[in-house]
């Protein structure tokens, strides 16, 4: 009876092993792929980042025109603006 139980346990363990290996293989093959929702969200975030970058560039151009020395010493700019 112990031999039968051992044989059944070996069969069950081998089936579980095969299932686990296939799952891990499937998981690793799809790990580098994005879903459609993830790709869309990434595209939206990229567009937002580009708009923010354009805004920062515009603000820097305005500051360069109005306070040419703001890049060399930001603390002086804060004092000139009356913040400190």
C-alpha atoms as a PDB file:
ATOM      1  CA  UNK A   1       0.000   0.000   0.000  1.00  0.00           C
ATOM      2  CA  UNK A   2       2.900   2.353   0.724  1.00  0.00           C
ATOM      3  CA  UNK A   3       4.257   1.652  -2.755  1.00  0.00           C
ATOM      4  CA  UNK A   4       0.937   2.665  -4.324  1.00  0.00           C
ATOM      5  CA  UNK A   5       0.791   5.858  -2.272  1.00  0.00           C
ATOM      6  CA  UNK A   6       4.370   6.706  -3.214  1.00  0.00           C
ATOM      7  CA  UNK A   7       3.617   6.126  -6.894  1.00  0.00           C
ATOM      8  CA  UNK A   8       0.523   8.350  -6.734  1.00  0.00           C
ATOM      9  CA  UNK A   9       2.479  11.095  -4.951  1.00  0.00           C
ATOM     10  CA  UNK A  10       5.240  10.923  -7.555  1.00  0.00           C
ATOM     11  CA  UNK A  11       2.698  11.221 -10.388  1.00  0.00           C
ATOM     12  CA  UNK A  12       0.972  14.182  -8.691  1.00  0.00           C
ATOM     13  CA  UNK A  13       4.293  15.900  -7.987  1.00  0.00           C
ATOM     14  CA  UNK A  14       5.424  15.451 -11.587  1.00  0.00           C
ATOM     15  CA  UNK A  15       2.140  16.840 -12.937  1.00  0.00           C
ATOM     16  CA  UNK A  16       2.422  19.848 -10.628  1.00  0.00           C
ATOM     17  CA  UNK A  17       6.030  20.323 -11.699  1.00  0.00           C
ATOM     18  CA  UNK A  18       5.103  20.339 -15.388  1.00  0.00           C
ATOM     19  CA  UNK A  19       2.254  22.789 -14.768  1.00  0.00           C
ATOM     20  CA  UNK A  20       4.525  25.098 -12.762  1.00  0.00           C
ATOM     21  CA  UNK A  21       7.246  25.024 -15.414  1.00  0.00           C
ATOM     22  CA  UNK A  22       4.766  25.845 -18.183  1.00  0.00           C
ATOM     23  CA  UNK A  23       3.326  28.683 -16.104  1.00  0.00           C
ATOM     24  CA  UNK A  24       6.770  30.128 -15.465  1.00  0.00           C
ATOM     25  CA  UNK A  25       7.649  29.856 -19.155  1.00  0.00           C
ATOM     26  CA  UNK A  26       4.428  31.621 -20.138  1.00  0.00           C
ATOM     27  CA  UNK A  27       4.963  34.274 -17.476  1.00  0.00           C
ATOM     28  CA  UNK A  28       8.508  35.003 -18.655  1.00  0.00           C
ATOM     29  CA  UNK A  29       7.486  35.203 -22.314  1.00  0.00           C
ATOM     30  CA  UNK A  30       4.763  37.776 -21.600  1.00  0.00           C
ATOM     31  CA  UNK A  31       6.783  39.761 -19.045  1.00  0.00           C
ATOM     32  CA  UNK A  32       8.153  42.198 -21.633  1.00  0.00           C
ATOM     33  CA  UNK A  33       4.818  42.925 -23.271  1.00  0.00           C
ATOM     34  CA  UNK A  34       2.441  45.725 -22.343  1.00  0.00           C
ATOM     35  CA  UNK A  35      -1.297  45.533 -22.463  1.00  0.00           C
ATOM     36  CA  UNK A  36      -3.199  47.965 -24.669  1.00  0.00           C
ATOM     37  CA  UNK A  37      -4.294  49.951 -21.621  1.00  0.00           C
ATOM     38  CA  UNK A  38      -0.720  50.204 -20.342  1.00  0.00           C
ATOM     39  CA  UNK A  39       0.514  51.354 -23.753  1.00  0.00           C
ATOM     40  CA  UNK A  40      -2.229  53.991 -23.938  1.00  0.00           C
ATOM     41  CA  UNK A  41      -1.461  55.239 -20.423  1.00  0.00           C
ATOM     42  CA  UNK A  42       2.240  55.424 -21.280  1.00  0.00           C
ATOM     43  CA  UNK A  43       1.457  57.437 -24.416  1.00  0.00           C
ATOM     44  CA  UNK A  44      -0.707  59.862 -22.421  1.00  0.00           C
ATOM     45  CA  UNK A  45       2.014  60.301 -19.804  1.00  0.00           C
ATOM     46  CA  UNK A  46       4.551  60.924 -22.549  1.00  0.00           C
ATOM     47  CA  UNK A  47       2.353  63.641 -24.071  1.00  0.00           C
ATOM     48  CA  UNK A  48       1.875  65.277 -20.659  1.00  0.00           C
ATOM     49  CA  UNK A  49       5.642  65.203 -20.069  1.00  0.00           C
ATOM     50  CA  UNK A  50       6.262  66.842 -23.453  1.00  0.00           C
ATOM     51  CA  UNK A  51       3.764  69.631 -22.681  1.00  0.00           C
ATOM     52  CA  UNK A  52       5.369  70.212 -19.276  1.00  0.00           C
ATOM     53  CA  UNK A  53       8.796  70.339 -20.867  1.00  0.00           C
ATOM     54  CA  UNK A  54       7.551  72.945 -23.362  1.00  0.00           C
ATOM     55  CA  UNK A  55       6.110  75.015 -20.513  1.00  0.00           C
ATOM     56  CA  UNK A  56       9.366  74.910 -18.566  1.00  0.00           C
ATOM     57  CA  UNK A  57      11.283  75.945 -21.687  1.00  0.00           C
ATOM     58  CA  UNK A  58       8.902  78.880 -22.204  1.00  0.00           C
ATOM     59  CA  UNK A  59       9.239  79.962 -18.565  1.00  0.00           C
ATOM     60  CA  UNK A  60      13.018  79.755 -18.786  1.00  0.00           C
ATOM     61  CA  UNK A  61      12.962  81.943 -21.907  1.00  0.00           C
ATOM     62  CA  UNK A  62      10.808  84.516 -20.103  1.00  0.00           C
ATOM     63  CA  UNK A  63      13.160  84.504 -17.112  1.00  0.00           C
ATOM     64  CA  UNK A  64      16.208  84.793 -19.377  1.00  0.00           C
ATOM     65  CA  UNK A  65      14.663  87.905 -20.961  1.00  0.00           C
ATOM     66  CA  UNK A  66      13.551  89.538 -17.713  1.00  0.00           C
ATOM     67  CA  UNK A  67      16.277  88.448 -15.251  1.00  0.00           C
ATOM     68  CA  UNK A  68      19.395  87.410 -17.185  1.00  0.00           C
ATOM     69  CA  UNK A  69      21.330  86.378 -14.067  1.00  0.00           C
ATOM     70  CA  UNK A  70      18.731  84.024 -12.627  1.00  0.00           C
ATOM     71  CA  UNK A  71      20.577  80.907 -13.764  1.00  0.00           C
ATOM     72  CA  UNK A  72      23.885  81.877 -12.163  1.00  0.00           C
ATOM     73  CA  UNK A  73      22.479  82.439  -8.683  1.00  0.00           C
ATOM     74  CA  UNK A  74      18.883  81.384  -8.003  1.00  0.00           C
ATOM     75  CA  UNK A  75      19.065  82.826  -4.466  1.00  0.00           C
ATOM     76  CA  UNK A  76      19.565  86.335  -5.914  1.00  0.00           C
ATOM     77  CA  UNK A  77      16.538  85.839  -8.135  1.00  0.00           C
ATOM     78  CA  UNK A  78      14.406  84.886  -5.125  1.00  0.00           C
ATOM     79  CA  UNK A  79      15.578  88.052  -3.288  1.00  0.00           C
ATOM     80  CA  UNK A  80      14.885  90.211  -6.351  1.00  0.00           C
ATOM     81  CA  UNK A  81      11.408  88.759  -6.613  1.00  0.00           C
ATOM     82  CA  UNK A  82      10.770  89.633  -2.958  1.00  0.00           C
ATOM     83  CA  UNK A  83      10.327  86.044  -1.804  1.00  0.00           C
ATOM     84  CA  UNK A  84      13.097  85.986   0.796  1.00  0.00           C
END
